[in-house]
Amino acid sequence: MKSLFTASATAIGGREGRVTSTDGVIDLNVSMPGSKNAEEATNPEQLFAAGYAACFGSALNLVIGKERVKTDGTSVTGHVTLNQNDEGFFISVELEVEIKGVDQATADRLVEAAHQVCPYSKATRGNVDVTLTAKAA
């Protein structure tokens, strides 16, 4: 295994605190949705949604490049939901993936291929329900 880089961030105060990255790029208040500070803060689910969407988009572009498919652009929107059942809290994910300039069958195939190579998809496989929605545009 070859390590490419390590990202580091510190959370102070949990869901009612602050997160910062060691390089200072991320420096955000954290708050529970619906709390008095929610409009001025992020939450772990937003951060996970952003990270997963960006990672999946890179995996998708890698697959598109390897398969030499011509597109007019892509976008990935991540939805991360915090759920609770009798066993406790857990998250679920929906990724809405739009690929411009391809037909629906090609979009479906590319999204599934990206799901196989995306590091976030690999990390969540078997632990998190992930729903993929491909949209040709």
N, C-alpha and C. Protein backbone atom coordinates (compact mmCIF):
# COMPACT_ATOMS: atom_id res chain seq x y z
N MET A 1 0.84 -1.17 0.00
CA MET A 1 0.00 0.00 0.00
C MET A 1 0.89 1.24 0.00
N LYS A 2 0.50 2.21 -0.80
CA LYS A 2 1.22 3.48 -0.88
C LYS A 2 0.28 4.58 -0.39
N SER A 3 0.63 5.25 0.68
CA SER A 3 -0.17 6.37 1.19
C SER A 3 0.07 7.59 0.32
N LEU A 4 -1.00 8.23 -0.14
CA LEU A 4 -0.88 9.41 -0.98
C LEU A 4 -0.87 10.69 -0.17
N PHE A 5 -1.74 10.80 0.82
CA PHE A 5 -1.74 11.92 1.75
C PHE A 5 -2.66 11.61 2.90
N THR A 6 -2.53 12.40 3.94
CA THR A 6 -3.40 12.26 5.12
C THR A 6 -4.03 13.61 5.41
N ALA A 7 -5.33 13.62 5.56
CA ALA A 7 -6.04 14.83 5.98
C ALA A 7 -6.33 14.72 7.47
N SER A 8 -6.20 15.82 8.17
CA SER A 8 -6.44 15.81 9.61
C SER A 8 -7.32 16.99 10.01
N ALA A 9 -8.25 16.72 10.89
CA ALA A 9 -9.13 17.76 11.42
C ALA A 9 -9.43 17.44 12.87
N THR A 10 -9.71 18.48 13.62
CA THR A 10 -10.03 18.34 15.03
C THR A 10 -11.42 18.89 15.31
N ALA A 11 -12.20 18.14 16.06
CA ALA A 11 -13.52 18.59 16.50
C ALA A 11 -13.46 18.85 18.00
N ILE A 12 -13.93 20.01 18.38
CA ILE A 12 -14.01 20.36 19.80
C ILE A 12 -15.47 20.64 20.11
N GLY A 13 -16.01 19.94 21.09
CA GLY A 13 -17.39 20.19 21.51
C GLY A 13 -18.43 19.37 20.79
N GLY A 14 -18.02 18.41 19.99
CA GLY A 14 -18.98 17.53 19.31
C GLY A 14 -19.92 18.28 18.38
N ARG A 15 -21.21 17.96 18.48
CA ARG A 15 -22.21 18.56 17.58
C ARG A 15 -22.57 20.00 17.95
N GLU A 16 -22.04 20.51 19.01
CA GLU A 16 -22.25 21.91 19.38
C GLU A 16 -20.89 22.53 19.64
N GLY A 17 -20.02 22.47 18.62
CA GLY A 17 -18.66 22.97 18.81
C GLY A 17 -18.07 23.56 17.54
N ARG A 18 -16.87 23.11 17.24
CA ARG A 18 -16.13 23.66 16.11
C ARG A 18 -15.26 22.56 15.51
N VAL A 19 -15.08 22.62 14.19
CA VAL A 19 -14.15 21.73 13.50
C VAL A 19 -13.12 22.58 12.76
N THR A 20 -11.88 22.13 12.83
CA THR A 20 -10.81 22.82 12.12
C THR A 20 -9.89 21.78 11.49
N SER A 21 -9.40 22.10 10.32
CA SER A 21 -8.39 21.24 9.70
C SER A 21 -7.02 21.78 10.10
N THR A 22 -6.03 20.90 10.08
CA THR A 22 -4.70 21.30 10.52
C THR A 22 -4.10 22.38 9.62
N ASP A 23 -4.54 22.45 8.36
CA ASP A 23 -4.02 23.49 7.46
C ASP A 23 -4.82 24.79 7.53
N GLY A 24 -5.91 24.80 8.32
CA GLY A 24 -6.72 26.00 8.49
C GLY A 24 -7.75 26.26 7.42
N VAL A 25 -7.82 25.42 6.40
CA VAL A 25 -8.80 25.61 5.33
C VAL A 25 -10.22 25.44 5.87
N ILE A 26 -10.40 24.44 6.72
CA ILE A 26 -11.71 24.24 7.36
C ILE A 26 -11.64 24.82 8.76
N ASP A 27 -12.56 25.71 9.04
CA ASP A 27 -12.66 26.32 10.36
C ASP A 27 -14.12 26.71 10.53
N LEU A 28 -14.93 25.77 11.02
CA LEU A 28 -16.37 25.92 11.00
C LEU A 28 -17.01 25.64 12.35
N ASN A 29 -18.07 26.38 12.65
CA ASN A 29 -18.92 26.05 13.78
C ASN A 29 -19.74 24.83 13.43
N VAL A 30 -20.03 24.01 14.42
CA VAL A 30 -20.86 22.82 14.26
C VAL A 30 -22.05 22.94 15.19
N SER A 31 -23.23 22.59 14.67
CA SER A 31 -24.44 22.69 15.47
C SER A 31 -25.46 21.68 14.98
N MET A 32 -26.32 21.26 15.87
CA MET A 32 -27.41 20.36 15.50
C MET A 32 -28.41 21.10 14.62
N PRO A 33 -28.90 20.48 13.55
CA PRO A 33 -29.96 21.10 12.76
C PRO A 33 -31.15 21.43 13.67
N GLY A 34 -31.70 22.61 13.47
CA GLY A 34 -32.84 23.02 14.28
C GLY A 34 -32.48 23.75 15.56
N SER A 35 -31.19 23.75 15.92
CA SER A 35 -30.79 24.46 17.13
C SER A 35 -30.66 25.95 16.84
N LYS A 36 -30.46 26.75 17.88
CA LYS A 36 -30.40 28.20 17.71
C LYS A 36 -29.22 28.65 16.86
N ASN A 37 -28.15 27.87 16.80
CA ASN A 37 -26.97 28.24 16.02
C ASN A 37 -26.90 27.57 14.65
N ALA A 38 -27.92 26.83 14.29
CA ALA A 38 -27.88 26.00 13.07
C ALA A 38 -27.69 26.82 11.80
N GLU A 39 -28.21 28.03 11.75
CA GLU A 39 -28.10 28.84 10.53
C GLU A 39 -26.67 29.31 10.28
N GLU A 40 -25.85 29.31 11.31
CA GLU A 40 -24.48 29.79 11.20
C GLU A 40 -23.46 28.67 11.32
N ALA A 41 -23.91 27.43 11.19
CA ALA A 41 -23.01 26.31 11.45
C ALA A 41 -23.29 25.16 10.49
N THR A 42 -22.33 24.28 10.39
CA THR A 42 -22.49 23.05 9.62
C THR A 42 -22.79 21.91 10.59
N ASN A 43 -22.86 20.70 10.07
CA ASN A 43 -23.04 19.53 10.92
C ASN A 43 -22.28 18.37 10.27
N PRO A 44 -22.03 17.30 11.02
CA PRO A 44 -21.26 16.19 10.46
C PRO A 44 -21.88 15.59 9.20
N GLU A 45 -23.21 15.58 9.11
CA GLU A 45 -23.84 15.01 7.93
C GLU A 45 -23.57 15.85 6.69
N GLN A 46 -23.58 17.18 6.83
CA GLN A 46 -23.24 18.04 5.69
C GLN A 46 -21.80 17.81 5.25
N LEU A 47 -20.91 17.71 6.21
CA LEU A 47 -19.50 17.50 5.87
C LEU A 47 -19.30 16.16 5.17
N PHE A 48 -19.97 15.12 5.65
CA PHE A 48 -19.88 13.80 5.02
C PHE A 48 -20.48 13.84 3.62
N ALA A 49 -21.63 14.51 3.46
CA ALA A 49 -22.27 14.62 2.15
C ALA A 49 -21.34 15.32 1.16
N ALA A 50 -20.70 16.39 1.60
CA ALA A 50 -19.79 17.12 0.72
C ALA A 50 -18.59 16.27 0.33
N GLY A 51 -18.01 15.60 1.31
CA GLY A 51 -16.85 14.75 1.03
C GLY A 51 -17.18 13.60 0.11
N TYR A 52 -18.30 12.92 0.37
CA TYR A 52 -18.70 11.78 -0.45
C TYR A 52 -19.01 12.25 -1.87
N ALA A 53 -19.73 13.36 -2.01
CA ALA A 53 -20.08 13.87 -3.35
C ALA A 53 -18.82 14.21 -4.14
N ALA A 54 -17.87 14.87 -3.51
CA ALA A 54 -16.63 15.24 -4.20
C ALA A 54 -15.82 14.01 -4.58
N CYS A 55 -15.71 13.06 -3.67
CA CYS A 55 -14.96 11.83 -3.94
C CYS A 55 -15.62 11.03 -5.06
N PHE A 56 -16.95 10.90 -4.99
CA PHE A 56 -17.66 10.14 -6.01
C PHE A 56 -17.52 10.82 -7.37
N GLY A 57 -17.58 12.15 -7.38
CA GLY A 57 -17.40 12.88 -8.64
C GLY A 57 -16.03 12.62 -9.26
N SER A 58 -15.01 12.55 -8.43
CA SER A 58 -13.67 12.24 -8.94
C SER A 58 -13.60 10.81 -9.48
N ALA A 59 -14.23 9.88 -8.77
CA ALA A 59 -14.25 8.48 -9.24
C ALA A 59 -15.01 8.39 -10.56
N LEU A 60 -16.11 9.11 -10.66
CA LEU A 60 -16.89 9.13 -11.89
C LEU A 60 -16.07 9.68 -13.05
N ASN A 61 -15.36 10.78 -12.82
CA ASN A 61 -14.53 11.35 -13.88
C ASN A 61 -13.39 10.42 -14.28
N LEU A 62 -12.86 9.68 -13.31
CA LEU A 62 -11.83 8.68 -13.62
C LEU A 62 -12.39 7.60 -14.54
N VAL A 63 -13.57 7.08 -14.21
CA VAL A 63 -14.21 6.05 -15.03
C VAL A 63 -14.52 6.59 -16.43
N ILE A 64 -15.06 7.78 -16.49
CA ILE A 64 -15.38 8.40 -17.79
C ILE A 64 -14.13 8.53 -18.64
N GLY A 65 -13.03 8.96 -18.03
CA GLY A 65 -11.77 9.08 -18.76
C GLY A 65 -11.23 7.75 -19.23
N LYS A 66 -11.25 6.75 -18.36
CA LYS A 66 -10.74 5.42 -18.72
C LYS A 66 -11.57 4.79 -19.84
N GLU A 67 -12.88 5.04 -19.80
CA GLU A 67 -13.75 4.45 -20.82
C GLU A 67 -13.87 5.34 -22.07
N ARG A 68 -13.24 6.50 -22.01
CA ARG A 68 -13.24 7.45 -23.13
C ARG A 68 -14.66 7.81 -23.59
N VAL A 69 -15.51 8.07 -22.60
CA VAL A 69 -16.88 8.48 -22.88
C VAL A 69 -16.90 10.01 -22.95
N LYS A 70 -17.52 10.53 -23.99
CA LYS A 70 -17.64 11.98 -24.11
C LYS A 70 -18.89 12.43 -23.34
N THR A 71 -18.71 13.38 -22.44
CA THR A 71 -19.82 13.94 -21.70
C THR A 71 -19.74 15.47 -21.80
N ASP A 72 -20.80 16.10 -21.36
CA ASP A 72 -20.82 17.56 -21.29
C ASP A 72 -20.77 18.03 -19.84
N GLY A 73 -20.26 17.18 -18.96
CA GLY A 73 -20.11 17.55 -17.56
C GLY A 73 -20.88 16.64 -16.62
N THR A 74 -20.51 16.69 -15.37
CA THR A 74 -21.13 15.86 -14.34
C THR A 74 -21.37 16.68 -13.08
N SER A 75 -22.31 16.22 -12.27
CA SER A 75 -22.48 16.78 -10.93
C SER A 75 -22.98 15.67 -10.01
N VAL A 76 -22.59 15.76 -8.75
CA VAL A 76 -23.00 14.78 -7.75
C VAL A 76 -23.53 15.55 -6.55
N THR A 77 -24.74 15.23 -6.14
CA THR A 77 -25.32 15.81 -4.93
C THR A 77 -25.47 14.70 -3.91
N GLY A 78 -24.87 14.90 -2.75
CA GLY A 78 -24.95 13.91 -1.69
C GLY A 78 -25.99 14.31 -0.65
N HIS A 79 -26.79 13.36 -0.26
CA HIS A 79 -27.77 13.54 0.81
C HIS A 79 -27.42 12.53 1.91
N VAL A 80 -27.09 13.02 3.08
CA VAL A 80 -26.77 12.13 4.20
C VAL A 80 -27.83 12.35 5.28
N THR A 81 -28.46 11.28 5.66
CA THR A 81 -29.54 11.33 6.64
C THR A 81 -29.09 10.67 7.94
N LEU A 82 -29.33 11.34 9.04
CA LEU A 82 -29.10 10.76 10.36
C LEU A 82 -30.40 10.06 10.77
N ASN A 83 -30.31 8.79 11.05
CA ASN A 83 -31.46 7.96 11.41
C ASN A 83 -31.29 7.42 12.82
N GLN A 84 -32.39 6.95 13.39
CA GLN A 84 -32.34 6.29 14.69
C GLN A 84 -33.32 5.13 14.70
N ASN A 85 -32.86 4.02 15.26
CA ASN A 85 -33.76 2.88 15.51
C ASN A 85 -33.49 2.34 16.90
N ASP A 86 -33.99 1.18 17.22
CA ASP A 86 -33.82 0.61 18.56
C ASP A 86 -32.35 0.35 18.91
N GLU A 87 -31.51 0.20 17.90
CA GLU A 87 -30.09 -0.08 18.13
C GLU A 87 -29.25 1.19 18.24
N GLY A 88 -29.82 2.34 17.94
CA GLY A 88 -29.07 3.59 18.05
C GLY A 88 -29.14 4.43 16.78
N PHE A 89 -28.14 5.27 16.61
CA PHE A 89 -28.08 6.19 15.47
C PHE A 89 -27.28 5.58 14.33
N PHE A 90 -27.65 5.91 13.11
CA PHE A 90 -26.91 5.49 11.93
C PHE A 90 -27.22 6.44 10.79
N ILE A 91 -26.36 6.43 9.78
CA ILE A 91 -26.59 7.29 8.62
C ILE A 91 -26.97 6.46 7.40
N SER A 92 -27.64 7.12 6.48
CA SER A 92 -27.89 6.56 5.15
C SER A 92 -27.54 7.65 4.16
N VAL A 93 -27.24 7.24 2.94
CA VAL A 93 -26.75 8.16 1.91
C VAL A 93 -27.53 7.97 0.62
N GLU A 94 -27.83 9.08 -0.03
CA GLU A 94 -28.32 9.05 -1.40
C GLU A 94 -27.42 9.95 -2.22
N LEU A 95 -26.93 9.43 -3.33
CA LEU A 95 -26.14 10.22 -4.27
C LEU A 95 -26.94 10.40 -5.54
N GLU A 96 -27.20 11.65 -5.89
CA GLU A 96 -27.85 11.98 -7.16
C GLU A 96 -26.75 12.39 -8.12
N VAL A 97 -26.61 11.62 -9.18
CA VAL A 97 -25.50 11.82 -10.11
C VAL A 97 -26.04 12.19 -11.49
N GLU A 98 -25.67 13.35 -11.95
CA GLU A 98 -26.11 13.80 -13.27
C GLU A 98 -24.92 13.77 -14.22
N ILE A 99 -25.14 13.17 -15.37
CA ILE A 99 -24.11 13.13 -16.41
C ILE A 99 -24.73 13.70 -17.68
N LYS A 100 -24.20 14.83 -18.11
CA LYS A 100 -24.73 15.51 -19.30
C LYS A 100 -24.12 14.92 -20.57
N GLY A 101 -24.95 14.79 -21.59
CA GLY A 101 -24.47 14.37 -22.89
C GLY A 101 -24.40 12.87 -23.12
N VAL A 102 -25.04 12.08 -22.24
CA VAL A 102 -25.07 10.62 -22.43
C VAL A 102 -26.51 10.14 -22.29
N ASP A 103 -26.77 8.91 -22.76
CA ASP A 103 -28.11 8.33 -22.58
C ASP A 103 -28.21 7.70 -21.19
N GLN A 104 -29.41 7.31 -20.80
CA GLN A 104 -29.65 6.80 -19.45
C GLN A 104 -28.88 5.50 -19.18
N ALA A 105 -28.82 4.61 -20.16
CA ALA A 105 -28.10 3.35 -19.95
C ALA A 105 -26.62 3.61 -19.69
N THR A 106 -26.04 4.56 -20.39
CA THR A 106 -24.63 4.90 -20.19
C THR A 106 -24.45 5.54 -18.82
N ALA A 107 -25.36 6.43 -18.43
CA ALA A 107 -25.28 7.06 -17.11
C ALA A 107 -25.35 6.00 -16.01
N ASP A 108 -26.28 5.06 -16.12
CA ASP A 108 -26.40 4.00 -15.13
C ASP A 108 -25.12 3.19 -15.02
N ARG A 109 -24.54 2.83 -16.15
CA ARG A 109 -23.32 2.02 -16.18
C ARG A 109 -22.14 2.77 -15.57
N LEU A 110 -21.99 4.05 -15.91
CA LEU A 110 -20.88 4.84 -15.39
C LEU A 110 -20.99 5.05 -13.88
N VAL A 111 -22.20 5.29 -13.41
CA VAL A 111 -22.41 5.50 -11.97
C VAL A 111 -22.10 4.23 -11.20
N GLU A 112 -22.53 3.09 -11.69
CA GLU A 112 -22.23 1.83 -11.01
C GLU A 112 -20.72 1.56 -11.03
N ALA A 113 -20.06 1.84 -12.13
CA ALA A 113 -18.61 1.64 -12.20
C ALA A 113 -17.89 2.57 -11.22
N ALA A 114 -18.34 3.81 -11.11
CA ALA A 114 -17.73 4.75 -10.16
C ALA A 114 -17.94 4.28 -8.72
N HIS A 115 -19.08 3.69 -8.45
CA HIS A 115 -19.39 3.18 -7.11
C HIS A 115 -18.42 2.05 -6.72
N GLN A 116 -17.91 1.34 -7.69
CA GLN A 116 -16.97 0.26 -7.40
C GLN A 116 -15.57 0.76 -7.10
N VAL A 117 -15.21 1.96 -7.58
CA VAL A 117 -13.84 2.46 -7.37
C VAL A 117 -13.75 3.62 -6.38
N CYS A 118 -14.85 4.25 -6.04
CA CYS A 118 -14.84 5.39 -5.12
C CYS A 118 -14.40 4.95 -3.71
N PRO A 119 -13.39 5.58 -3.13
CA PRO A 119 -12.96 5.21 -1.78
C PRO A 119 -14.05 5.35 -0.72
N TYR A 120 -14.93 6.35 -0.83
CA TYR A 120 -16.02 6.48 0.13
C TYR A 120 -17.01 5.33 -0.03
N SER A 121 -17.29 4.95 -1.27
CA SER A 121 -18.19 3.82 -1.50
C SER A 121 -17.61 2.54 -0.92
N LYS A 122 -16.30 2.37 -1.10
CA LYS A 122 -15.65 1.18 -0.54
C LYS A 122 -15.72 1.20 0.99
N ALA A 123 -15.53 2.37 1.59
CA ALA A 123 -15.52 2.48 3.04
C ALA A 123 -16.90 2.24 3.65
N THR A 124 -17.94 2.62 2.92
CA THR A 124 -19.30 2.48 3.47
C THR A 124 -19.95 1.15 3.12
N ARG A 125 -19.42 0.45 2.13
CA ARG A 125 -20.04 -0.79 1.65
C ARG A 125 -20.21 -1.79 2.79
N GLY A 126 -21.45 -2.25 2.96
CA GLY A 126 -21.74 -3.21 4.01
C GLY A 126 -22.09 -2.57 5.34
N ASN A 127 -21.86 -1.27 5.48
CA ASN A 127 -22.14 -0.57 6.74
C ASN A 127 -23.22 0.49 6.61
N VAL A 128 -23.32 1.10 5.44
CA VAL A 128 -24.21 2.23 5.23
C VAL A 128 -25.06 1.95 4.00
N ASP A 129 -26.37 2.18 4.12
CA ASP A 129 -27.23 2.07 2.95
C ASP A 129 -26.94 3.25 2.03
N VAL A 130 -26.50 2.94 0.81
CA VAL A 130 -26.20 3.98 -0.19
C VAL A 130 -27.10 3.75 -1.39
N THR A 131 -27.89 4.75 -1.73
CA THR A 131 -28.76 4.71 -2.89
C THR A 131 -28.17 5.59 -3.96
N LEU A 132 -28.03 5.05 -5.16
CA LEU A 132 -27.48 5.79 -6.30
C LEU A 132 -28.61 6.12 -7.26
N THR A 133 -28.69 7.36 -7.67
CA THR A 133 -29.66 7.77 -8.67
C THR A 133 -28.88 8.42 -9.81
N ALA A 134 -28.86 7.74 -10.95
CA ALA A 134 -28.18 8.28 -12.13
C ALA A 134 -29.20 8.99 -13.01
N LYS A 135 -28.77 10.14 -13.52
CA LYS A 135 -29.64 10.91 -14.40
C LYS A 135 -28.85 11.36 -15.62
N ALA A 136 -29.29 10.92 -16.78
CA ALA A 136 -28.71 11.40 -18.02
C ALA A 136 -29.34 12.74 -18.34
N ALA A 137 -28.55 13.65 -18.82
CA ALA A 137 -29.08 14.98 -19.14
C ALA A 137 -28.54 15.45 -20.48
